[in-house]
Amino acid sequence: MKNLFHAASFLLLDLASTFVFLVLILLTKNVPLSIVLGMVFGVAQIGWEFARKKPVGVMQWMSLFLVITFGTISLVTNDPRFVMIKPSLIYVIVGVVMLKPGWMNRYLPEAAMEVVPDIGVIFGFVWAGLMFASAALNIFVALKFNVVTWASFMAAYGTVSKLGLFLIQYATMRFIAVRRRRAQMTPALA
């Protein structure tokens, strides 16, 4: 679990400029200001890493590139949909990475790796499916609704869908692991 939180913290930092944009949209309802401040935050993050002589991760560079590219296009065209569609690209990229069988196993505790590593592989694909579904839903909401509705919906959906799948995965893996442990112990008792 420690590894999962460690990896999640890096992902959150890599996507922080996107989160800054979302929060500012919800607070100010000012699209150009939110875009510019999201872009400034992304550049400041990279600058901070350089100042500390720390390596800048690929996802952080990608996030900055997407923030600046889609932010600039949105500002030039006066159309926030370009920024609103950007999370779909991230969802697709993350989903493709999650298609690698067993990617999740490194985040599972040792006990789970002994009993249910196959279920971890299955849930890895389920997570990839959630990323692709989230990308499609994001595009739909971005094209059908205004930026404030989009930001509110996607923030709520993002949290609920990921937390929901996490809880389903935890309960399922625990249930199957307990059954398998009992089945392993039953022949020894007979």
Protein backbone atom coordinates (compact mmCIF):
# COMPACT_ATOMS: atom_id res chain seq x y z
CA MET A 1 0.00 0.00 0.00
CA LYS A 2 2.93 2.32 0.76
CA ASN A 3 4.16 1.85 -2.83
CA LEU A 4 0.70 2.69 -4.18
CA PHE A 5 0.53 5.95 -2.24
CA HIS A 6 4.10 6.78 -3.26
CA ALA A 7 3.29 6.24 -6.95
CA ALA A 8 0.00 8.13 -6.62
CA SER A 9 1.77 11.11 -5.06
CA PHE A 10 4.10 11.34 -8.07
CA LEU A 11 1.15 11.16 -10.46
CA LEU A 12 -0.69 13.87 -8.52
CA LEU A 13 2.39 16.10 -8.63
CA ASP A 14 2.82 15.43 -12.35
CA LEU A 15 -0.78 16.45 -13.01
CA ALA A 16 -0.90 19.29 -10.45
CA SER A 17 -1.22 22.02 -13.10
CA THR A 18 -4.37 20.31 -14.37
CA PHE A 19 -5.76 20.18 -10.84
CA VAL A 20 -4.89 23.86 -10.32
CA PHE A 21 -6.86 24.66 -13.47
CA LEU A 22 -9.87 22.60 -12.29
CA VAL A 23 -9.93 24.19 -8.83
CA LEU A 24 -9.58 27.70 -10.25
CA ILE A 25 -12.40 27.11 -12.73
CA LEU A 26 -14.65 25.99 -9.90
CA LEU A 27 -13.66 28.91 -7.67
CA THR A 28 -13.44 31.79 -10.16
CA LYS A 29 -15.47 30.60 -13.18
CA ASN A 30 -12.90 32.62 -15.15
CA VAL A 31 -11.60 30.37 -17.94
CA PRO A 32 -8.72 32.53 -19.28
CA LEU A 33 -7.42 33.28 -15.78
CA SER A 34 -7.62 29.59 -14.82
CA ILE A 35 -5.82 28.53 -17.99
CA VAL A 36 -3.02 31.07 -17.54
CA LEU A 37 -2.53 30.26 -13.86
CA GLY A 38 -2.52 26.53 -14.63
CA MET A 39 0.16 27.14 -17.27
CA VAL A 40 2.20 29.33 -14.88
CA PHE A 41 1.93 26.69 -12.16
CA GLY A 42 3.18 23.99 -14.58
CA VAL A 43 6.17 26.09 -15.64
CA ALA A 44 6.90 26.99 -11.99
CA GLN A 45 6.89 23.28 -11.06
CA ILE A 46 9.50 22.49 -13.71
CA GLY A 47 11.52 25.57 -12.68
CA TRP A 48 11.42 24.42 -9.05
CA GLU A 49 12.74 20.99 -10.03
CA PHE A 50 15.56 22.58 -12.03
CA ALA A 51 16.40 24.93 -9.13
CA ARG A 52 16.64 21.92 -6.80
CA LYS A 53 18.69 20.05 -9.43
CA LYS A 54 16.11 17.24 -9.42
CA PRO A 55 15.23 15.22 -12.51
CA VAL A 56 11.94 16.11 -14.21
CA GLY A 57 9.79 13.05 -14.90
CA VAL A 58 8.37 12.17 -18.29
CA MET A 59 4.78 12.51 -17.06
CA GLN A 60 5.54 15.97 -15.66
CA TRP A 61 7.00 17.06 -19.02
CA MET A 62 4.00 15.57 -20.81
CA SER A 63 1.58 17.33 -18.47
CA LEU A 64 3.37 20.66 -18.96
CA PHE A 65 3.40 20.17 -22.74
CA LEU A 66 -0.34 19.40 -22.76
CA VAL A 67 -1.17 22.30 -20.41
CA ILE A 68 0.77 24.80 -22.51
CA THR A 69 -0.38 23.43 -25.88
CA PHE A 70 -4.06 23.08 -25.07
CA GLY A 71 -4.06 26.19 -22.88
CA THR A 72 -2.57 28.27 -25.67
CA ILE A 73 -5.01 26.88 -28.24
CA SER A 74 -7.90 27.59 -25.86
CA LEU A 75 -6.73 31.15 -25.29
CA VAL A 76 -6.10 31.86 -28.99
CA THR A 77 -9.41 30.38 -30.13
CA ASN A 78 -11.31 31.56 -27.04
CA ASP A 79 -12.64 27.98 -26.76
CA PRO A 80 -12.13 26.19 -23.42
CA ARG A 81 -13.01 22.80 -24.93
CA PHE A 82 -9.38 22.27 -25.91
CA VAL A 83 -8.34 22.40 -22.25
CA MET A 84 -11.37 20.36 -21.26
CA ILE A 85 -10.40 17.53 -23.64
CA LYS A 86 -6.80 17.35 -22.38
CA PRO A 87 -7.64 14.95 -19.49
CA SER A 88 -8.91 12.47 -22.08
CA LEU A 89 -5.41 12.28 -23.56
CA ILE A 90 -3.98 11.61 -20.12
CA TYR A 91 -6.62 8.95 -19.42
CA VAL A 92 -5.82 7.23 -22.73
CA ILE A 93 -2.05 7.31 -22.09
CA VAL A 94 -2.48 5.93 -18.57
CA GLY A 95 -4.95 3.33 -19.89
CA VAL A 96 -2.47 2.14 -22.51
CA VAL A 97 0.23 1.78 -19.84
CA MET A 98 -2.23 -0.18 -17.70
CA LEU A 99 -2.72 -2.70 -20.51
CA LYS A 100 0.62 -4.27 -19.57
CA PRO A 101 -0.26 -7.53 -17.79
CA GLY A 102 0.76 -7.51 -14.15
CA TRP A 103 1.50 -3.80 -13.82
CA MET A 104 -0.55 -3.71 -10.64
CA ASN A 105 1.23 -6.60 -8.95
CA ARG A 106 4.06 -4.38 -7.73
CA TYR A 107 1.51 -2.45 -5.65
CA LEU A 108 0.02 -5.54 -4.02
CA PRO A 109 1.13 -6.66 -0.56
CA GLU A 110 3.21 -9.82 -0.33
CA ALA A 111 0.29 -11.87 1.02
CA ALA A 112 -1.85 -10.94 -1.99
CA MET A 113 1.00 -11.79 -4.35
CA GLU A 114 1.13 -15.28 -2.85
CA VAL A 115 -2.59 -15.98 -3.16
CA VAL A 116 -4.26 -13.72 -5.78
CA PRO A 117 -1.68 -12.38 -8.25
CA ASP A 118 -3.95 -13.49 -11.12
CA ILE A 119 -6.76 -11.33 -9.74
CA GLY A 120 -4.33 -8.40 -9.63
CA VAL A 121 -3.68 -8.91 -13.35
CA ILE A 122 -7.41 -8.97 -14.07
CA PHE A 123 -7.99 -5.78 -12.09
CA GLY A 124 -5.10 -4.17 -13.95
CA PHE A 125 -7.15 -4.57 -17.12
CA VAL A 126 -10.29 -3.36 -15.33
CA TRP A 127 -8.41 -0.20 -14.34
CA ALA A 128 -7.32 0.28 -17.95
CA GLY A 129 -10.97 -0.05 -19.00
CA LEU A 130 -11.94 2.60 -16.46
CA MET A 131 -9.31 4.94 -17.90
CA PHE A 132 -10.63 4.47 -21.44
CA ALA A 133 -14.25 4.89 -20.30
CA SER A 134 -13.24 8.03 -18.37
CA ALA A 135 -11.56 9.43 -21.49
CA ALA A 136 -14.71 8.89 -23.55
CA LEU A 137 -16.96 10.32 -20.83
CA ASN A 138 -14.71 13.35 -20.46
CA ILE A 139 -14.93 14.09 -24.20
CA PHE A 140 -18.71 13.73 -24.10
CA VAL A 141 -19.12 16.06 -21.11
CA ALA A 142 -16.59 18.55 -22.51
CA LEU A 143 -18.47 18.79 -25.80
CA LYS A 144 -22.00 18.88 -24.33
CA PHE A 145 -21.68 21.11 -21.25
CA ASN A 146 -20.12 24.38 -20.16
CA VAL A 147 -16.73 24.52 -18.46
CA VAL A 148 -18.06 24.91 -14.90
CA THR A 149 -20.43 21.94 -15.25
CA TRP A 150 -17.62 19.93 -16.83
CA ALA A 151 -15.16 20.77 -14.03
CA SER A 152 -17.70 19.95 -11.31
CA PHE A 153 -18.80 16.69 -12.92
CA MET A 154 -15.33 15.43 -13.82
CA ALA A 155 -13.92 16.25 -10.37
CA ALA A 156 -16.74 14.31 -8.70
CA TYR A 157 -16.70 11.49 -11.25
CA GLY A 158 -12.93 11.14 -11.07
CA THR A 159 -12.96 10.76 -7.31
CA VAL A 160 -16.02 8.50 -7.06
CA SER A 161 -15.08 6.20 -9.95
CA LYS A 162 -11.51 5.61 -8.78
CA LEU A 163 -12.43 5.23 -5.12
CA GLY A 164 -15.34 2.95 -6.06
CA LEU A 165 -13.17 0.68 -8.19
CA PHE A 166 -10.49 0.63 -5.50
CA LEU A 167 -13.03 -0.53 -2.90
CA ILE A 168 -14.51 -3.14 -5.27
CA GLN A 169 -11.03 -4.44 -6.05
CA TYR A 170 -10.04 -4.57 -2.39
CA ALA A 171 -13.22 -6.41 -1.35
CA THR A 172 -13.04 -8.83 -4.29
CA MET A 173 -9.38 -9.67 -3.82
CA ARG A 174 -9.83 -10.11 -0.08
CA PHE A 175 -12.87 -12.36 -0.56
CA ILE A 176 -11.08 -14.55 -3.12
CA ALA A 177 -7.87 -14.64 -1.07
CA VAL A 178 -9.73 -15.81 2.06
CA ARG A 179 -11.51 -18.54 0.07
CA ARG A 180 -8.27 -19.71 -1.51
CA ARG A 181 -6.45 -19.76 1.85
CA ARG A 182 -9.26 -21.83 3.35
CA ALA A 183 -9.19 -24.22 0.38
CA GLN A 184 -5.41 -24.63 0.81
CA MET A 185 -5.84 -25.42 4.50
CA THR A 186 -8.77 -27.85 4.12
CA PRO A 187 -6.78 -30.79 2.63
CA ALA A 188 -4.25 -30.48 5.46
CA LEU A 189 -7.02 -30.92 8.03
CA ALA A 190 -8.56 -34.01 6.39
